[in-house]
Amino acid sequence: MSELCLTLLCPPAIEEKLLDLLLLSPAVTFSTSRTTAAHGLAHENLDQTEQVLGRARATEVQVIVAVAEKTALLDAIRQEFAGAGLRYWVTTIVETGEIA
């Protein structure tokens, strides 16, 4: 089965709601999340502190998803988070496994 890594970058305010959606999705086989800093976002979308620092606080979520499930998962995310400032990118997974 071919798998992809869907990386989502979201504002901290929607982190829990996004994680809840992903945890309830049968398309998601594995995920991780972490606090990060986002660079290159539109200046007007940053608060005053972020404008001074030149970076925005964000949560990065990486999700392993089957190629066949990607579109449906992204559609569900788009429907739930339209206008929330969520960014994403998709990368191919060459290999995955567990070191036992």
N, C-alpha and C. Protein backbone atom coordinates (compact mmCIF):
# COMPACT_ATOMS: atom_id res chain seq x y z
N MET A 1 0.84 -1.18 0.00
CA MET A 1 0.00 0.00 0.00
C MET A 1 0.89 1.24 0.00
N SER A 2 0.64 2.16 -0.91
CA SER A 2 1.39 3.40 -0.98
C SER A 2 0.88 4.38 0.07
N GLU A 3 1.82 5.00 0.75
CA GLU A 3 1.46 5.95 1.80
C GLU A 3 2.10 7.30 1.55
N LEU A 4 1.48 8.32 2.11
CA LEU A 4 1.94 9.69 2.03
C LEU A 4 2.10 10.26 3.42
N CYS A 5 2.90 11.30 3.53
CA CYS A 5 2.98 12.07 4.77
C CYS A 5 2.33 13.42 4.49
N LEU A 6 1.23 13.67 5.17
CA LEU A 6 0.53 14.94 5.10
C LEU A 6 1.00 15.77 6.28
N THR A 7 1.64 16.89 5.99
CA THR A 7 2.10 17.79 7.04
C THR A 7 1.15 18.98 7.10
N LEU A 8 0.64 19.25 8.28
CA LEU A 8 -0.30 20.35 8.51
C LEU A 8 0.35 21.34 9.46
N LEU A 9 0.25 22.61 9.13
CA LEU A 9 0.77 23.68 9.98
C LEU A 9 -0.43 24.52 10.39
N CYS A 10 -0.73 24.53 11.70
CA CYS A 10 -1.94 25.22 12.14
C CYS A 10 -1.64 26.19 13.27
N PRO A 11 -2.47 27.23 13.39
CA PRO A 11 -2.38 28.13 14.53
C PRO A 11 -2.70 27.36 15.81
N PRO A 12 -2.04 27.69 16.93
CA PRO A 12 -2.30 26.98 18.18
C PRO A 12 -3.77 26.98 18.59
N ALA A 13 -4.52 27.98 18.21
CA ALA A 13 -5.93 28.07 18.61
C ALA A 13 -6.79 26.94 18.07
N ILE A 14 -6.38 26.33 16.97
CA ILE A 14 -7.19 25.24 16.40
C ILE A 14 -6.53 23.87 16.55
N GLU A 15 -5.42 23.82 17.25
CA GLU A 15 -4.66 22.57 17.40
C GLU A 15 -5.52 21.42 17.93
N GLU A 16 -6.21 21.62 19.05
CA GLU A 16 -6.98 20.53 19.66
C GLU A 16 -8.11 20.05 18.77
N LYS A 17 -8.78 20.98 18.11
CA LYS A 17 -9.87 20.61 17.22
C LYS A 17 -9.35 19.81 16.02
N LEU A 18 -8.20 20.21 15.48
CA LEU A 18 -7.59 19.48 14.38
C LEU A 18 -7.16 18.08 14.82
N LEU A 19 -6.51 17.99 15.97
CA LEU A 19 -6.08 16.69 16.47
C LEU A 19 -7.28 15.77 16.73
N ASP A 20 -8.35 16.32 17.24
CA ASP A 20 -9.57 15.52 17.45
C ASP A 20 -10.09 14.96 16.13
N LEU A 21 -10.15 15.81 15.10
CA LEU A 21 -10.62 15.36 13.79
C LEU A 21 -9.74 14.23 13.27
N LEU A 22 -8.43 14.38 13.41
CA LEU A 22 -7.50 13.36 12.91
C LEU A 22 -7.60 12.07 13.70
N LEU A 23 -7.75 12.18 15.02
CA LEU A 23 -7.86 10.98 15.86
C LEU A 23 -9.11 10.17 15.54
N LEU A 24 -10.16 10.84 15.10
CA LEU A 24 -11.41 10.16 14.78
C LEU A 24 -11.47 9.67 13.33
N SER A 25 -10.48 10.04 12.53
CA SER A 25 -10.48 9.67 11.12
C SER A 25 -9.89 8.27 10.91
N PRO A 26 -10.63 7.37 10.29
CA PRO A 26 -10.09 6.04 10.00
C PRO A 26 -8.98 6.07 8.94
N ALA A 27 -8.85 7.17 8.21
CA ALA A 27 -7.82 7.29 7.18
C ALA A 27 -6.42 7.47 7.78
N VAL A 28 -6.35 7.96 9.01
CA VAL A 28 -5.07 8.26 9.65
C VAL A 28 -4.55 7.01 10.35
N THR A 29 -3.38 6.53 9.91
CA THR A 29 -2.79 5.35 10.53
C THR A 29 -1.80 5.70 11.63
N PHE A 30 -1.20 6.88 11.56
CA PHE A 30 -0.20 7.31 12.54
C PHE A 30 -0.04 8.81 12.41
N SER A 31 0.22 9.49 13.54
CA SER A 31 0.45 10.93 13.46
C SER A 31 1.35 11.38 14.60
N THR A 32 1.97 12.53 14.38
CA THR A 32 2.77 13.18 15.41
C THR A 32 2.41 14.67 15.41
N SER A 33 2.70 15.35 16.52
CA SER A 33 2.49 16.80 16.56
C SER A 33 3.57 17.42 17.42
N ARG A 34 3.87 18.68 17.10
CA ARG A 34 4.88 19.41 17.87
C ARG A 34 4.69 20.91 17.68
N THR A 35 5.15 21.64 18.65
CA THR A 35 5.15 23.09 18.58
C THR A 35 6.31 23.52 17.70
N THR A 36 6.07 24.51 16.86
CA THR A 36 7.11 24.98 15.95
C THR A 36 6.94 26.47 15.69
N ALA A 37 7.83 27.04 14.91
CA ALA A 37 7.73 28.44 14.49
C ALA A 37 7.59 28.47 12.98
N ALA A 38 6.67 29.27 12.49
CA ALA A 38 6.43 29.39 11.05
C ALA A 38 7.02 30.71 10.56
N HIS A 39 7.74 30.64 9.46
CA HIS A 39 8.36 31.83 8.86
C HIS A 39 7.76 32.03 7.47
N GLY A 40 7.69 33.28 7.02
CA GLY A 40 7.23 33.56 5.67
C GLY A 40 5.73 33.74 5.53
N LEU A 41 5.02 33.84 6.64
CA LEU A 41 3.58 34.08 6.57
C LEU A 41 3.32 35.56 6.31
N ALA A 42 2.15 35.86 5.80
CA ALA A 42 1.79 37.25 5.52
C ALA A 42 1.85 38.08 6.81
N HIS A 43 2.51 39.22 6.74
CA HIS A 43 2.74 40.09 7.89
C HIS A 43 1.44 40.46 8.61
N GLU A 44 0.39 40.71 7.84
CA GLU A 44 -0.88 41.13 8.45
C GLU A 44 -1.57 40.01 9.22
N ASN A 45 -1.14 38.78 9.03
CA ASN A 45 -1.72 37.65 9.75
C ASN A 45 -1.02 37.36 11.08
N LEU A 46 0.01 38.13 11.41
CA LEU A 46 0.78 37.93 12.63
C LEU A 46 0.33 38.90 13.71
N ASP A 47 0.39 38.47 14.98
CA ASP A 47 0.12 39.42 16.07
C ASP A 47 1.36 40.30 16.26
N GLN A 48 1.28 41.29 17.14
CA GLN A 48 2.37 42.26 17.29
C GLN A 48 3.69 41.60 17.69
N THR A 49 3.64 40.67 18.62
CA THR A 49 4.86 39.98 19.06
C THR A 49 5.47 39.19 17.90
N GLU A 50 4.63 38.49 17.16
CA GLU A 50 5.12 37.71 16.03
C GLU A 50 5.72 38.61 14.95
N GLN A 51 5.14 39.78 14.74
CA GLN A 51 5.68 40.71 13.76
C GLN A 51 7.09 41.15 14.16
N VAL A 52 7.30 41.42 15.44
CA VAL A 52 8.62 41.83 15.92
C VAL A 52 9.62 40.68 15.78
N LEU A 53 9.19 39.47 16.15
CA LEU A 53 10.07 38.31 16.11
C LEU A 53 10.30 37.79 14.69
N GLY A 54 9.37 38.06 13.79
CA GLY A 54 9.48 37.58 12.41
C GLY A 54 9.09 36.12 12.25
N ARG A 55 8.33 35.60 13.19
CA ARG A 55 7.86 34.21 13.10
C ARG A 55 6.57 34.08 13.89
N ALA A 56 5.78 33.08 13.49
CA ALA A 56 4.50 32.83 14.14
C ALA A 56 4.56 31.51 14.90
N ARG A 57 3.91 31.48 16.05
CA ARG A 57 3.76 30.21 16.78
C ARG A 57 2.81 29.33 15.99
N ALA A 58 3.14 28.06 15.92
CA ALA A 58 2.31 27.13 15.15
C ALA A 58 2.47 25.72 15.71
N THR A 59 1.56 24.86 15.32
CA THR A 59 1.65 23.44 15.63
C THR A 59 1.81 22.70 14.31
N GLU A 60 2.82 21.86 14.23
CA GLU A 60 3.04 21.04 13.05
C GLU A 60 2.55 19.63 13.34
N VAL A 61 1.67 19.14 12.49
CA VAL A 61 1.12 17.80 12.63
C VAL A 61 1.51 17.01 11.38
N GLN A 62 2.08 15.84 11.58
CA GLN A 62 2.39 14.97 10.45
C GLN A 62 1.53 13.72 10.55
N VAL A 63 0.91 13.38 9.45
CA VAL A 63 -0.05 12.28 9.40
C VAL A 63 0.36 11.31 8.30
N ILE A 64 0.39 10.02 8.62
CA ILE A 64 0.60 9.00 7.60
C ILE A 64 -0.78 8.60 7.08
N VAL A 65 -0.94 8.65 5.77
CA VAL A 65 -2.24 8.37 5.16
C VAL A 65 -2.02 7.62 3.84
N ALA A 66 -2.92 6.70 3.54
CA ALA A 66 -2.86 5.98 2.26
C ALA A 66 -3.15 6.95 1.12
N VAL A 67 -2.50 6.73 -0.01
CA VAL A 67 -2.71 7.58 -1.18
C VAL A 67 -4.20 7.67 -1.50
N ALA A 68 -4.91 6.56 -1.43
CA ALA A 68 -6.33 6.52 -1.77
C ALA A 68 -7.20 7.32 -0.79
N GLU A 69 -6.70 7.59 0.41
CA GLU A 69 -7.48 8.29 1.44
C GLU A 69 -7.16 9.79 1.53
N LYS A 70 -6.12 10.24 0.85
CA LYS A 70 -5.65 11.62 0.98
C LYS A 70 -6.71 12.65 0.62
N THR A 71 -7.35 12.50 -0.51
CA THR A 71 -8.31 13.50 -0.98
C THR A 71 -9.48 13.64 -0.01
N ALA A 72 -10.02 12.52 0.45
CA ALA A 72 -11.16 12.57 1.38
C ALA A 72 -10.75 13.22 2.70
N LEU A 73 -9.55 12.91 3.18
CA LEU A 73 -9.08 13.53 4.43
C LEU A 73 -8.90 15.03 4.26
N LEU A 74 -8.28 15.45 3.16
CA LEU A 74 -8.11 16.89 2.93
C LEU A 74 -9.45 17.59 2.76
N ASP A 75 -10.40 16.95 2.11
CA ASP A 75 -11.74 17.54 1.97
C ASP A 75 -12.39 17.75 3.34
N ALA A 76 -12.26 16.77 4.23
CA ALA A 76 -12.83 16.90 5.58
C ALA A 76 -12.16 18.04 6.34
N ILE A 77 -10.84 18.15 6.20
CA ILE A 77 -10.10 19.22 6.87
C ILE A 77 -10.51 20.58 6.30
N ARG A 78 -10.62 20.67 4.98
CA ARG A 78 -11.04 21.93 4.34
C ARG A 78 -12.43 22.35 4.82
N GLN A 79 -13.33 21.40 4.91
CA GLN A 79 -14.71 21.70 5.33
C GLN A 79 -14.73 22.22 6.77
N GLU A 80 -13.96 21.61 7.64
CA GLU A 80 -13.97 21.96 9.06
C GLU A 80 -13.18 23.24 9.36
N PHE A 81 -12.11 23.51 8.59
CA PHE A 81 -11.19 24.58 8.94
C PHE A 81 -11.05 25.67 7.88
N ALA A 82 -12.05 25.84 7.05
CA ALA A 82 -12.01 26.89 6.03
C ALA A 82 -11.75 28.25 6.69
N GLY A 83 -10.78 28.98 6.18
CA GLY A 83 -10.47 30.32 6.69
C GLY A 83 -9.68 30.36 7.98
N ALA A 84 -9.21 29.20 8.47
CA ALA A 84 -8.51 29.15 9.76
C ALA A 84 -7.00 29.37 9.66
N GLY A 85 -6.48 29.54 8.44
CA GLY A 85 -5.05 29.77 8.28
C GLY A 85 -4.23 28.49 8.33
N LEU A 86 -4.85 27.38 8.06
CA LEU A 86 -4.17 26.09 8.05
C LEU A 86 -3.42 25.93 6.74
N ARG A 87 -2.16 25.51 6.83
CA ARG A 87 -1.35 25.25 5.64
C ARG A 87 -0.98 23.77 5.62
N TYR A 88 -0.70 23.24 4.44
CA TYR A 88 -0.33 21.83 4.37
C TYR A 88 0.59 21.56 3.18
N TRP A 89 1.27 20.43 3.23
CA TRP A 89 2.00 19.91 2.09
C TRP A 89 2.03 18.39 2.21
N VAL A 90 2.20 17.73 1.08
CA VAL A 90 2.17 16.28 1.02
C VAL A 90 3.49 15.79 0.45
N THR A 91 4.08 14.78 1.09
CA THR A 91 5.31 14.17 0.59
C THR A 91 5.13 12.66 0.49
N THR A 92 5.84 12.08 -0.43
CA THR A 92 5.80 10.63 -0.62
C THR A 92 6.68 9.96 0.42
N ILE A 93 6.20 8.85 0.94
CA ILE A 93 7.00 8.06 1.87
C ILE A 93 7.66 6.94 1.08
N VAL A 94 8.97 6.89 1.13
CA VAL A 94 9.71 5.88 0.42
C VAL A 94 9.67 4.54 1.18
N GLU A 95 9.78 4.64 2.48
CA GLU A 95 9.79 3.43 3.29
C GLU A 95 9.30 3.78 4.69
N THR A 96 8.63 2.84 5.31
CA THR A 96 8.18 3.01 6.68
C THR A 96 8.22 1.66 7.38
N GLY A 97 8.38 1.70 8.66
CA GLY A 97 8.42 0.45 9.41
C GLY A 97 8.61 0.72 10.88
N GLU A 98 8.78 -0.34 11.63
CA GLU A 98 9.02 -0.25 13.06
C GLU A 98 10.25 -1.07 13.40
N ILE A 99 11.15 -0.49 14.15
CA ILE A 99 12.34 -1.20 14.61
C ILE A 99 11.95 -1.91 15.91
N ALA A 100 11.81 -3.19 15.85
CA ALA A 100 11.36 -3.96 17.02
C ALA A 100 12.54 -4.63 17.73
